[in-house]
PDB file of N, CA and C in Angstrom:
ATOM      1  N   UNK A   1       0.835  -1.175   0.000  1.00  0.00           N
ATOM      2  CA  UNK A   1       0.000   0.000   0.000  1.00  0.00           C
ATOM      3  C   UNK A   1       0.881   1.240   0.000  1.00  0.00           C
ATOM      4  N   UNK A   2       0.520   2.181  -0.787  1.00  0.00           N
ATOM      5  CA  UNK A   2       1.294   3.398  -0.970  1.00  0.00           C
ATOM      6  C   UNK A   2       0.843   4.462   0.025  1.00  0.00           C
ATOM      7  N   UNK A   3       1.802   5.085   0.708  1.00  0.00           N
ATOM      8  CA  UNK A   3       1.461   6.145   1.651  1.00  0.00           C
ATOM      9  C   UNK A   3       1.419   7.475   0.922  1.00  0.00           C
ATOM     10  N   UNK A   4       0.442   8.289   1.262  1.00  0.00           N
ATOM     11  CA  UNK A   4       0.345   9.621   0.694  1.00  0.00           C
ATOM     12  C   UNK A   4       0.293  10.620   1.831  1.00  0.00           C
ATOM     13  N   UNK A   5       0.839  11.795   1.591  1.00  0.00           N
ATOM     14  CA  UNK A   5       0.900  12.822   2.611  1.00  0.00           C
ATOM     15  C   UNK A   5       0.428  14.142   2.053  1.00  0.00           C
ATOM     16  N   UNK A   6      -0.056  14.982   2.929  1.00  0.00           N
ATOM     17  CA  UNK A   6      -0.490  16.317   2.545  1.00  0.00           C
ATOM     18  C   UNK A   6       0.223  17.309   3.442  1.00  0.00           C
ATOM     19  N   UNK A   7       0.855  18.308   2.839  1.00  0.00           N
ATOM     20  CA  UNK A   7       1.502  19.369   3.591  1.00  0.00           C
ATOM     21  C   UNK A   7       0.518  20.503   3.746  1.00  0.00           C
ATOM     22  N   UNK A   8       0.340  20.946   4.972  1.00  0.00           N
ATOM     23  CA  UNK A   8      -0.601  22.025   5.239  1.00  0.00           C
ATOM     24  C   UNK A   8       0.102  23.046   6.106  1.00  0.00           C
ATOM     25  N   UNK A   9       0.097  24.283   5.661  1.00  0.00           N
ATOM     26  CA  UNK A   9       0.766  25.336   6.403  1.00  0.00           C
ATOM     27  C   UNK A   9      -0.261  26.074   7.254  1.00  0.00           C
ATOM     28  N   UNK A  10      -0.069  26.011   8.530  1.00  0.00           N
ATOM     29  CA  UNK A  10      -0.880  26.801   9.433  1.00  0.00           C
ATOM     30  C   UNK A  10      -0.029  27.977   9.894  1.00  0.00           C
ATOM     31  N   UNK A  11      -0.551  28.807  10.738  1.00  0.00           N
ATOM     32  CA  UNK A  11       0.134  30.053  11.093  1.00  0.00           C
ATOM     33  C   UNK A  11       1.593  29.835  11.476  1.00  0.00           C
ATOM     34  N   UNK A  12       1.852  29.139  12.553  1.00  0.00           N
ATOM     35  CA  UNK A  12       3.235  28.940  12.966  1.00  0.00           C
ATOM     36  C   UNK A  12       3.628  27.477  13.016  1.00  0.00           C
ATOM     37  N   UNK A  13       2.646  26.608  12.984  1.00  0.00           N
ATOM     38  CA  UNK A  13       2.924  25.183  13.051  1.00  0.00           C
ATOM     39  C   UNK A  13       2.874  24.585  11.648  1.00  0.00           C
ATOM     40  N   UNK A  14       3.796  23.718  11.373  1.00  0.00           N
ATOM     41  CA  UNK A  14       3.794  23.007  10.104  1.00  0.00           C
ATOM     42  C   UNK A  14       3.578  21.535  10.403  1.00  0.00           C
ATOM     43  N   UNK A  15       2.548  20.969   9.809  1.00  0.00           N
ATOM     44  CA  UNK A  15       2.200  19.584  10.077  1.00  0.00           C
ATOM     45  C   UNK A  15       2.188  18.792   8.783  1.00  0.00           C
ATOM     46  N   UNK A  16       2.477  17.535   8.896  1.00  0.00           N
ATOM     47  CA  UNK A  16       2.342  16.607   7.772  1.00  0.00           C
ATOM     48  C   UNK A  16       1.259  15.618   8.158  1.00  0.00           C
ATOM     49  N   UNK A  17       0.242  15.531   7.309  1.00  0.00           N
ATOM     50  CA  UNK A  17      -0.878  14.641   7.573  1.00  0.00           C
ATOM     51  C   UNK A  17      -0.985  13.617   6.459  1.00  0.00           C
ATOM     52  N   UNK A  18      -1.349  12.409   6.857  1.00  0.00           N
ATOM     53  CA  UNK A  18      -1.624  11.373   5.855  1.00  0.00           C
ATOM     54  C   UNK A  18      -2.991  11.655   5.247  1.00  0.00           C
ATOM     55  N   UNK A  19      -3.130  11.415   3.940  1.00  0.00           N
ATOM     56  CA  UNK A  19      -4.403  11.682   3.277  1.00  0.00           C
ATOM     57  C   UNK A  19      -4.602  10.686   2.132  1.00  0.00           C
ATOM     58  N   UNK A  20      -5.798  10.710   1.608  1.00  0.00           N
ATOM     59  CA  UNK A  20      -6.145   9.842   0.482  1.00  0.00           C
ATOM     60  C   UNK A  20      -6.295  10.712  -0.763  1.00  0.00           C
ATOM     61  N   UNK A  21      -5.435  10.506  -1.763  1.00  0.00           N
ATOM     62  CA  UNK A  21      -5.466  11.306  -2.987  1.00  0.00           C
ATOM     63  C   UNK A  21      -6.763  11.142  -3.754  1.00  0.00           C
ATOM     64  N   UNK A  22      -7.331   9.978  -3.704  1.00  0.00           N
ATOM     65  CA  UNK A  22      -8.507   9.697  -4.530  1.00  0.00           C
ATOM     66  C   UNK A  22      -9.716  10.515  -4.114  1.00  0.00           C
ATOM     67  N   UNK A  23      -9.793  10.895  -2.840  1.00  0.00           N
ATOM     68  CA  UNK A  23     -10.938  11.660  -2.360  1.00  0.00           C
ATOM     69  C   UNK A  23     -10.808  13.154  -2.633  1.00  0.00           C
ATOM     70  N   UNK A  24      -9.610  13.642  -2.862  1.00  0.00           N
ATOM     71  CA  UNK A  24      -9.376  15.074  -3.064  1.00  0.00           C
ATOM     72  C   UNK A  24      -9.507  15.429  -4.543  1.00  0.00           C
ATOM     73  N   UNK A  25     -10.159  16.552  -4.818  1.00  0.00           N
ATOM     74  CA  UNK A  25     -10.262  17.053  -6.181  1.00  0.00           C
ATOM     75  C   UNK A  25      -9.042  17.910  -6.478  1.00  0.00           C
ATOM     76  N   UNK A  26      -8.509  17.774  -7.679  1.00  0.00           N
ATOM     77  CA  UNK A  26      -7.358  18.577  -8.055  1.00  0.00           C
ATOM     78  C   UNK A  26      -6.764  18.088  -9.360  1.00  0.00           C
ATOM     79  N   UNK A  27      -5.582  18.608  -9.681  1.00  0.00           N
ATOM     80  CA  UNK A  27      -4.878  18.277 -10.917  1.00  0.00           C
ATOM     81  C   UNK A  27      -3.679  17.404 -10.566  1.00  0.00           C
ATOM     82  N   UNK A  28      -3.671  16.171 -11.016  1.00  0.00           N
ATOM     83  CA  UNK A  28      -2.625  15.210 -10.708  1.00  0.00           C
ATOM     84  C   UNK A  28      -1.627  15.146 -11.858  1.00  0.00           C
ATOM     85  N   UNK A  29      -0.338  15.215 -11.525  1.00  0.00           N
ATOM     86  CA  UNK A  29       0.699  15.098 -12.545  1.00  0.00           C
ATOM     87  C   UNK A  29       1.956  14.515 -11.920  1.00  0.00           C
ATOM     88  N   UNK A  30       2.896  14.109 -12.770  1.00  0.00           N
ATOM     89  CA  UNK A  30       4.181  13.610 -12.300  1.00  0.00           C
ATOM     90  C   UNK A  30       5.228  14.699 -12.531  1.00  0.00           C
ATOM     91  N   UNK A  31       5.982  15.057 -11.504  1.00  0.00           N
ATOM     92  CA  UNK A  31       6.987  16.110 -11.667  1.00  0.00           C
ATOM     93  C   UNK A  31       8.131  15.644 -12.572  1.00  0.00           C
ATOM     94  N   UNK A  32       8.653  16.565 -13.363  1.00  0.00           N
ATOM     95  CA  UNK A  32       9.719  16.245 -14.309  1.00  0.00           C
ATOM     96  C   UNK A  32      11.090  16.712 -13.818  1.00  0.00           C
ATOM     97  N   UNK A  33      11.197  17.073 -12.550  1.00  0.00           N
ATOM     98  CA  UNK A  33      12.447  17.560 -11.994  1.00  0.00           C
ATOM     99  C   UNK A  33      13.462  16.419 -11.935  1.00  0.00           C
ATOM    100  N   UNK A  34      14.636  16.633 -12.454  1.00  0.00           N
ATOM    101  CA  UNK A  34      15.667  15.597 -12.506  1.00  0.00           C
ATOM    102  C   UNK A  34      16.618  15.653 -11.320  1.00  0.00           C
ATOM    103  N   UNK A  35      16.479  16.641 -10.445  1.00  0.00           N
ATOM    104  CA  UNK A  35      17.372  16.801  -9.307  1.00  0.00           C
ATOM    105  C   UNK A  35      16.993  15.782  -8.234  1.00  0.00           C
ATOM    106  N   UNK A  36      17.966  15.037  -7.748  1.00  0.00           N
ATOM    107  CA  UNK A  36      17.734  14.019  -6.730  1.00  0.00           C
ATOM    108  C   UNK A  36      17.956  14.633  -5.345  1.00  0.00           C
ATOM    109  N   UNK A  37      17.032  14.363  -4.455  1.00  0.00           N
ATOM    110  CA  UNK A  37      17.160  14.800  -3.074  1.00  0.00           C
ATOM    111  C   UNK A  37      17.274  13.554  -2.204  1.00  0.00           C
ATOM    112  N   UNK A  38      18.199  13.552  -1.253  1.00  0.00           N
ATOM    113  CA  UNK A  38      18.353  12.350  -0.415  1.00  0.00           C
ATOM    114  C   UNK A  38      17.119  12.128   0.460  1.00  0.00           C
ATOM    115  N   UNK A  39      16.536  10.950   0.352  1.00  0.00           N
ATOM    116  CA  UNK A  39      15.416  10.580   1.196  1.00  0.00           C
ATOM    117  C   UNK A  39      14.057  11.023   0.717  1.00  0.00           C
ATOM    118  N   UNK A  40      13.980  11.802  -0.368  1.00  0.00           N
ATOM    119  CA  UNK A  40      12.698  12.300  -0.855  1.00  0.00           C
ATOM    120  C   UNK A  40      12.506  11.826  -2.292  1.00  0.00           C
ATOM    121  N   UNK A  41      11.419  11.136  -2.538  1.00  0.00           N
ATOM    122  CA  UNK A  41      11.068  10.710  -3.880  1.00  0.00           C
ATOM    123  C   UNK A  41       9.622  11.117  -4.142  1.00  0.00           C
ATOM    124  N   UNK A  42       9.415  11.966  -5.124  1.00  0.00           N
ATOM    125  CA  UNK A  42       8.074  12.414  -5.473  1.00  0.00           C
ATOM    126  C   UNK A  42       7.720  11.790  -6.816  1.00  0.00           C
ATOM    127  N   UNK A  43       6.721  10.911  -6.807  1.00  0.00           N
ATOM    128  CA  UNK A  43       6.304  10.263  -8.042  1.00  0.00           C
ATOM    129  C   UNK A  43       5.018  10.861  -8.580  1.00  0.00           C
ATOM    130  N   UNK A  44       4.170  11.358  -7.685  1.00  0.00           N
ATOM    131  CA  UNK A  44       2.922  12.000  -8.087  1.00  0.00           C
ATOM    132  C   UNK A  44       2.738  13.257  -7.266  1.00  0.00           C
ATOM    133  N   UNK A  45       2.118  14.245  -7.886  1.00  0.00           N
ATOM    134  CA  UNK A  45       1.834  15.502  -7.192  1.00  0.00           C
ATOM    135  C   UNK A  45       0.429  15.927  -7.576  1.00  0.00           C
ATOM    136  N   UNK A  46      -0.384  16.231  -6.586  1.00  0.00           N
ATOM    137  CA  UNK A  46      -1.749  16.675  -6.853  1.00  0.00           C
ATOM    138  C   UNK A  46      -1.883  18.096  -6.337  1.00  0.00           C
ATOM    139  N   UNK A  47      -2.119  19.017  -7.270  1.00  0.00           N
ATOM    140  CA  UNK A  47      -2.342  20.416  -6.912  1.00  0.00           C
ATOM    141  C   UNK A  47      -3.825  20.584  -6.615  1.00  0.00           C
ATOM    142  N   UNK A  48      -4.132  21.175  -5.467  1.00  0.00           N
ATOM    143  CA  UNK A  48      -5.511  21.335  -5.044  1.00  0.00           C
ATOM    144  C   UNK A  48      -5.943  22.793  -5.131  1.00  0.00           C
ATOM    145  N   UNK A  49      -5.010  23.705  -4.934  1.00  0.00           N
ATOM    146  CA  UNK A  49      -5.304  25.135  -4.975  1.00  0.00           C
ATOM    147  C   UNK A  49      -5.618  25.555  -6.415  1.00  0.00           C
ATOM    148  N   UNK A  50      -6.772  26.200  -6.661  1.00  0.00           N
ATOM    149  CA  UNK A  50      -7.149  26.578  -8.029  1.00  0.00           C
ATOM    150  C   UNK A  50      -6.155  27.534  -8.697  1.00  0.00           C
ATOM    151  N   UNK A  51      -5.515  28.409  -7.928  1.00  0.00           N
ATOM    152  CA  UNK A  51      -4.536  29.331  -8.517  1.00  0.00           C
ATOM    153  C   UNK A  51      -3.304  28.582  -9.008  1.00  0.00           C
ATOM    154  N   UNK A  52      -2.858  27.597  -8.240  1.00  0.00           N
ATOM    155  CA  UNK A  52      -1.697  26.804  -8.641  1.00  0.00           C
ATOM    156  C   UNK A  52      -2.041  25.974  -9.875  1.00  0.00           C
ATOM    157  N   UNK A  53      -3.231  25.392  -9.888  1.00  0.00           N
ATOM    158  CA  UNK A  53      -3.661  24.599 -11.048  1.00  0.00           C
ATOM    159  C   UNK A  53      -3.693  25.464 -12.299  1.00  0.00           C
ATOM    160  N   UNK A  54      -4.242  26.674 -12.168  1.00  0.00           N
ATOM    161  CA  UNK A  54      -4.319  27.575 -13.317  1.00  0.00           C
ATOM    162  C   UNK A  54      -2.936  27.937 -13.835  1.00  0.00           C
ATOM    163  N   UNK A  55      -1.996  28.232 -12.936  1.00  0.00           N
ATOM    164  CA  UNK A  55      -0.633  28.564 -13.360  1.00  0.00           C
ATOM    165  C   UNK A  55       0.060  27.381 -14.023  1.00  0.00           C
ATOM    166  N   UNK A  56      -0.112  26.171 -13.467  1.00  0.00           N
ATOM    167  CA  UNK A  56       0.499  24.985 -14.066  1.00  0.00           C
ATOM    168  C   UNK A  56      -0.035  24.725 -15.468  1.00  0.00           C
ATOM    169  N   UNK A  57      -1.358  24.832 -15.631  1.00  0.00           N
ATOM    170  CA  UNK A  57      -1.953  24.576 -16.944  1.00  0.00           C
ATOM    171  C   UNK A  57      -1.586  25.656 -17.951  1.00  0.00           C
ATOM    172  N   UNK A  58      -1.472  26.914 -17.498  1.00  0.00           N
ATOM    173  CA  UNK A  58      -1.052  27.984 -18.412  1.00  0.00           C
ATOM    174  C   UNK A  58       0.341  27.716 -18.954  1.00  0.00           C
ATOM    175  N   UNK A  59       1.261  27.305 -18.080  1.00  0.00           N
ATOM    176  CA  UNK A  59       2.625  27.007 -18.523  1.00  0.00           C
ATOM    177  C   UNK A  59       2.655  25.831 -19.486  1.00  0.00           C
ATOM    178  N   UNK A  60       1.864  24.795 -19.154  1.00  0.00           N
ATOM    179  CA  UNK A  60       1.843  23.603 -19.999  1.00  0.00           C
ATOM    180  C   UNK A  60       1.287  23.908 -21.390  1.00  0.00           C
ATOM    181  N   UNK A  61       0.176  24.639 -21.443  1.00  0.00           N
ATOM    182  CA  UNK A  61      -0.447  24.976 -22.718  1.00  0.00           C
ATOM    183  C   UNK A  61       0.439  25.939 -23.506  1.00  0.00           C
ATOM    184  N   UNK A  62       1.098  26.868 -22.812  1.00  0.00           N
ATOM    185  CA  UNK A  62       1.962  27.834 -23.495  1.00  0.00           C
ATOM    186  C   UNK A  62       3.132  27.138 -24.187  1.00  0.00           C
ATOM    187  N   UNK A  63       3.744  26.158 -23.515  1.00  0.00           N
ATOM    188  CA  UNK A  63       4.853  25.419 -24.126  1.00  0.00           C
ATOM    189  C   UNK A  63       4.394  24.670 -25.377  1.00  0.00           C
ATOM    190  N   UNK A  64       3.253  23.989 -25.267  1.00  0.00           N
ATOM    191  CA  UNK A  64       2.747  23.230 -26.412  1.00  0.00           C
ATOM    192  C   UNK A  64       2.327  24.161 -27.543  1.00  0.00           C
ATOM    193  N   UNK A  65       1.752  25.307 -27.193  1.00  0.00           N
ATOM    194  CA  UNK A  65       1.312  26.254 -28.210  1.00  0.00           C
ATOM    195  C   UNK A  65       2.497  26.828 -28.974  1.00  0.00           C
ATOM    196  N   UNK A  66       3.604  27.132 -28.280  1.00  0.00           N
ATOM    197  CA  UNK A  66       4.791  27.655 -28.956  1.00  0.00           C
ATOM    198  C   UNK A  66       5.339  26.645 -29.963  1.00  0.00           C
ATOM    199  N   UNK A  67       5.410  25.381 -29.574  1.00  0.00           N
ATOM    200  CA  UNK A  67       5.876  24.347 -30.504  1.00  0.00           C
ATOM    201  C   UNK A  67       4.930  24.200 -31.690  1.00  0.00           C
ATOM    202  N   UNK A  68       3.648  24.252 -31.411  1.00  0.00           N
ATOM    203  CA  UNK A  68       2.646  24.117 -32.460  1.00  0.00           C
ATOM    204  C   UNK A  68       2.689  25.297 -33.422  1.00  0.00           C
ATOM    205  N   UNK A  69       2.872  26.508 -32.885  1.00  0.00           N
ATOM    206  CA  UNK A  69       2.954  27.692 -33.745  1.00  0.00           C
ATOM    207  C   UNK A  69       4.198  27.660 -34.621  1.00  0.00           C
ATOM    208  N   UNK A  70       5.315  27.160 -34.097  1.00  0.00           N
ATOM    209  CA  UNK A  70       6.518  27.016 -34.920  1.00  0.00           C
ATOM    210  C   UNK A  70       6.250  26.083 -36.093  1.00  0.00           C
ATOM    211  N   UNK A  71       5.550  25.003 -35.829  1.00  0.00           N
ATOM    212  CA  UNK A  71       5.207  24.064 -36.897  1.00  0.00           C
ATOM    213  C   UNK A  71       4.297  24.725 -37.932  1.00  0.00           C
ATOM    214  N   UNK A  72       3.313  25.506 -37.467  1.00  0.00           N
ATOM    215  CA  UNK A  72       2.396  26.170 -38.399  1.00  0.00           C
ATOM    216  C   UNK A  72       3.110  27.245 -39.222  1.00  0.00           C
ATOM    217  N   UNK A  73       4.028  27.981 -38.607  1.00  0.00           N
ATOM    218  CA  UNK A  73       4.806  28.960 -39.376  1.00  0.00           C
ATOM    219  C   UNK A  73       5.670  28.265 -40.421  1.00  0.00           C
ATOM    220  N   UNK A  74       6.195  27.098 -40.070  1.00  0.00           N
ATOM    221  CA  UNK A  74       6.958  26.317 -41.039  1.00  0.00           C
ATOM    222  C   UNK A  74       6.069  25.924 -42.220  1.00  0.00           C
ATOM    223  N   UNK A  75       4.841  25.491 -41.920  1.00  0.00           N
ATOM    224  CA  UNK A  75       3.915  25.123 -43.002  1.00  0.00           C
ATOM    225  C   UNK A  75       3.604  26.320 -43.897  1.00  0.00           C
ATOM    226  N   UNK A  76       3.386  27.483 -43.296  1.00  0.00           N
ATOM    227  CA  UNK A  76       3.083  28.685 -44.088  1.00  0.00           C
ATOM    228  C   UNK A  76       4.258  29.072 -44.977  1.00  0.00           C
ATOM    229  N   UNK A  77       5.469  28.956 -44.461  1.00  0.00           N
ATOM    230  CA  UNK A  77       6.651  29.325 -45.247  1.00  0.00           C
ATOM    231  C   UNK A  77       6.925  28.325 -46.358  1.00  0.00           C
ATOM    232  N   UNK A  78       6.661  27.059 -46.118  1.00  0.00           N
ATOM    233  CA  UNK A  78       6.920  26.027 -47.113  1.00  0.00           C
ATOM    234  C   UNK A  78       5.884  26.038 -48.236  1.00  0.00           C
ATOM    235  N   UNK A  79       4.669  26.462 -47.945  1.00  0.00           N
ATOM    236  CA  UNK A  79       3.593  26.405 -48.936  1.00  0.00           C
ATOM    237  C   UNK A  79       3.277  27.802 -49.475  1.00  0.00           C
ATOM    238  N   UNK A  80       4.292  28.553 -49.836  1.00  0.00           N
ATOM    239  CA  UNK A  80       4.074  29.887 -50.408  1.00  0.00           C
ATOM    240  C   UNK A  80       3.326  29.765 -51.727  1.00  0.00           C
ATOM    241  N   UNK A  81       2.300  30.563 -51.863  1.00  0.00           N
ATOM    242  CA  UNK A  81       1.565  30.622 -53.110  1.00  0.00           C
ATOM    243  C   UNK A  81       0.414  29.642 -53.229  1.00  0.00           C
ATOM    244  N   UNK A  82       0.331  28.666 -52.360  1.00  0.00           N
ATOM    245  CA  UNK A  82      -0.793  27.740 -52.430  1.00  0.00           C
ATOM    246  C   UNK A  82      -2.013  28.376 -51.774  1.00  0.00           C
ATOM    247  N   UNK A  83      -3.150  28.358 -52.452  1.00  0.00           N
ATOM    248  CA  UNK A  83      -4.329  29.063 -51.934  1.00  0.00           C
ATOM    249  C   UNK A  83      -4.932  28.441 -50.678  1.00  0.00           C
ATOM    250  N   UNK A  84      -4.814  27.170 -50.463  1.00  0.00           N
ATOM    251  CA  UNK A  84      -5.451  26.512 -49.317  1.00  0.00           C
ATOM    252  C   UNK A  84      -4.569  26.399 -48.088  1.00  0.00           C
ATOM    253  N   UNK A  85      -3.342  26.916 -48.149  1.00  0.00           N
ATOM    254  CA  UNK A  85      -2.404  26.735 -47.040  1.00  0.00           C
ATOM    255  C   UNK A  85      -2.856  27.495 -45.792  1.00  0.00           C
ATOM    256  N   UNK A  86      -3.291  28.743 -45.980  1.00  0.00           N
ATOM    257  CA  UNK A  86      -3.710  29.516 -44.802  1.00  0.00           C
ATOM    258  C   UNK A  86      -4.983  28.934 -44.186  1.00  0.00           C
ATOM    259  N   UNK A  87      -5.876  28.437 -45.021  1.00  0.00           N
ATOM    260  CA  UNK A  87      -7.084  27.798 -44.490  1.00  0.00           C
ATOM    261  C   UNK A  87      -6.736  26.555 -43.690  1.00  0.00           C
ATOM    262  N   UNK A  88      -5.771  25.804 -44.186  1.00  0.00           N
ATOM    263  CA  UNK A  88      -5.348  24.597 -43.492  1.00  0.00           C
ATOM    264  C   UNK A  88      -4.744  24.947 -42.129  1.00  0.00           C
ATOM    265  N   UNK A  89      -3.929  25.995 -42.072  1.00  0.00           N
ATOM    266  CA  UNK A  89      -3.300  26.416 -40.820  1.00  0.00           C
ATOM    267  C   UNK A  89      -4.354  26.919 -39.834  1.00  0.00           C
ATOM    268  N   UNK A  90      -5.324  27.695 -40.311  1.00  0.00           N
ATOM    269  CA  UNK A  90      -6.381  28.197 -39.434  1.00  0.00           C
ATOM    270  C   UNK A  90      -7.254  27.053 -38.908  1.00  0.00           C
ATOM    271  N   UNK A  91      -7.500  26.062 -39.740  1.00  0.00           N
ATOM    272  CA  UNK A  91      -8.256  24.892 -39.284  1.00  0.00           C
ATOM    273  C   UNK A  91      -7.493  24.124 -38.210  1.00  0.00           C
ATOM    274  N   UNK A  92      -6.177  24.011 -38.401  1.00  0.00           N
ATOM    275  CA  UNK A  92      -5.356  23.335 -37.393  1.00  0.00           C
ATOM    276  C   UNK A  92      -5.366  24.093 -36.073  1.00  0.00           C
ATOM    277  N   UNK A  93      -5.320  25.414 -36.118  1.00  0.00           N
ATOM    278  CA  UNK A  93      -5.386  26.217 -34.888  1.00  0.00           C
ATOM    279  C   UNK A  93      -6.726  26.051 -34.185  1.00  0.00           C
ATOM    280  N   UNK A  94      -7.803  26.018 -34.939  1.00  0.00           N
ATOM    281  CA  UNK A  94      -9.124  25.812 -34.346  1.00  0.00           C
ATOM    282  C   UNK A  94      -9.220  24.423 -33.713  1.00  0.00           C
ATOM    283  N   UNK A  95      -8.622  23.439 -34.364  1.00  0.00           N
ATOM    284  CA  UNK A  95      -8.611  22.078 -33.819  1.00  0.00           C
ATOM    285  C   UNK A  95      -7.816  22.028 -32.516  1.00  0.00           C
ATOM    286  N   UNK A  96      -6.688  22.711 -32.474  1.00  0.00           N
ATOM    287  CA  UNK A  96      -5.872  22.758 -31.253  1.00  0.00           C
ATOM    288  C   UNK A  96      -6.635  23.440 -30.118  1.00  0.00           C
ATOM    289  N   UNK A  97      -7.350  24.515 -30.431  1.00  0.00           N
ATOM    290  CA  UNK A  97      -8.135  25.221 -29.419  1.00  0.00           C
ATOM    291  C   UNK A  97      -9.204  24.291 -28.827  1.00  0.00           C
ATOM    292  N   UNK A  98      -9.907  23.554 -29.662  1.00  0.00           N
ATOM    293  CA  UNK A  98     -10.919  22.620 -29.190  1.00  0.00           C
ATOM    294  C   UNK A  98     -10.305  21.502 -28.353  1.00  0.00           C
ATOM    295  N   UNK A  99      -9.108  21.055 -28.764  1.00  0.00           N
ATOM    296  CA  UNK A  99      -8.433  19.997 -28.032  1.00  0.00           C
ATOM    297  C   UNK A  99      -8.079  20.464 -26.615  1.00  0.00           C
ATOM    298  N   UNK A 100      -7.590  21.693 -26.471  1.00  0.00           N
ATOM    299  CA  UNK A 100      -7.241  22.237 -25.158  1.00  0.00           C
ATOM    300  C   UNK A 100      -8.497  22.389 -24.300  1.00  0.00           C
ATOM    301  N   UNK A 101      -9.563  22.881 -24.888  1.00  0.00           N
ATOM    302  CA  UNK A 101     -10.818  23.042 -24.134  1.00  0.00           C
ATOM    303  C   UNK A 101     -11.341  21.699 -23.660  1.00  0.00           C
ATOM    304  N   UNK A 102     -11.294  20.687 -24.506  1.00  0.00           N
ATOM    305  CA  UNK A 102     -11.801  19.363 -24.125  1.00  0.00           C
ATOM    306  C   UNK A 102     -10.944  18.702 -23.045  1.00  0.00           C
ATOM    307  N   UNK A 103      -9.635  18.895 -23.109  1.00  0.00           N
ATOM    308  CA  UNK A 103      -8.742  18.255 -22.133  1.00  0.00           C
ATOM    309  C   UNK A 103      -8.882  18.856 -20.743  1.00  0.00           C
ATOM    310  N   UNK A 104      -9.059  20.168 -20.648  1.00  0.00           N
ATOM    311  CA  UNK A 104      -9.002  20.838 -19.358  1.00  0.00           C
ATOM    312  C   UNK A 104     -10.325  21.466 -18.928  1.00  0.00           C
ATOM    313  N   UNK A 105     -11.436  21.062 -19.518  1.00  0.00           N
ATOM    314  CA  UNK A 105     -12.715  21.656 -19.159  1.00  0.00           C
ATOM    315  C   UNK A 105     -13.185  21.264 -17.762  1.00  0.00           C
ATOM    316  N   UNK A 106     -12.789  20.097 -17.278  1.00  0.00           N
ATOM    317  CA  UNK A 106     -13.241  19.668 -15.963  1.00  0.00           C
ATOM    318  C   UNK A 106     -12.358  20.171 -14.827  1.00  0.00           C
ATOM    319  N   UNK A 107     -11.273  20.836 -15.154  1.00  0.00           N
ATOM    320  CA  UNK A 107     -10.353  21.316 -14.108  1.00  0.00           C
ATOM    321  C   UNK A 107     -10.612  22.769 -13.806  1.00  0.00           C
TER     322      UNK A 107
END
């Protein structure tokens, strides 16, 4: 059985409480930090605070959007003079927008 803990900051006391991740609502992800800390292994992280969730998702979507826009600019530059190229790129952007809305609508 896997132990889970929740860090909660109170005014002057800092406590660590055991909790059940499945009962808490939030955004679950695996951290990508490559730095090793002695005695600490984080395999899953669940953000519960709505502000933290919003910031995490903004960063994630921004990174993917930058890569996607680079690809679309490449398509526009490669297809100079073709009449349907801009329509194809705009359709791809609309598809990406719908994909982001569908993935994160429940969060």
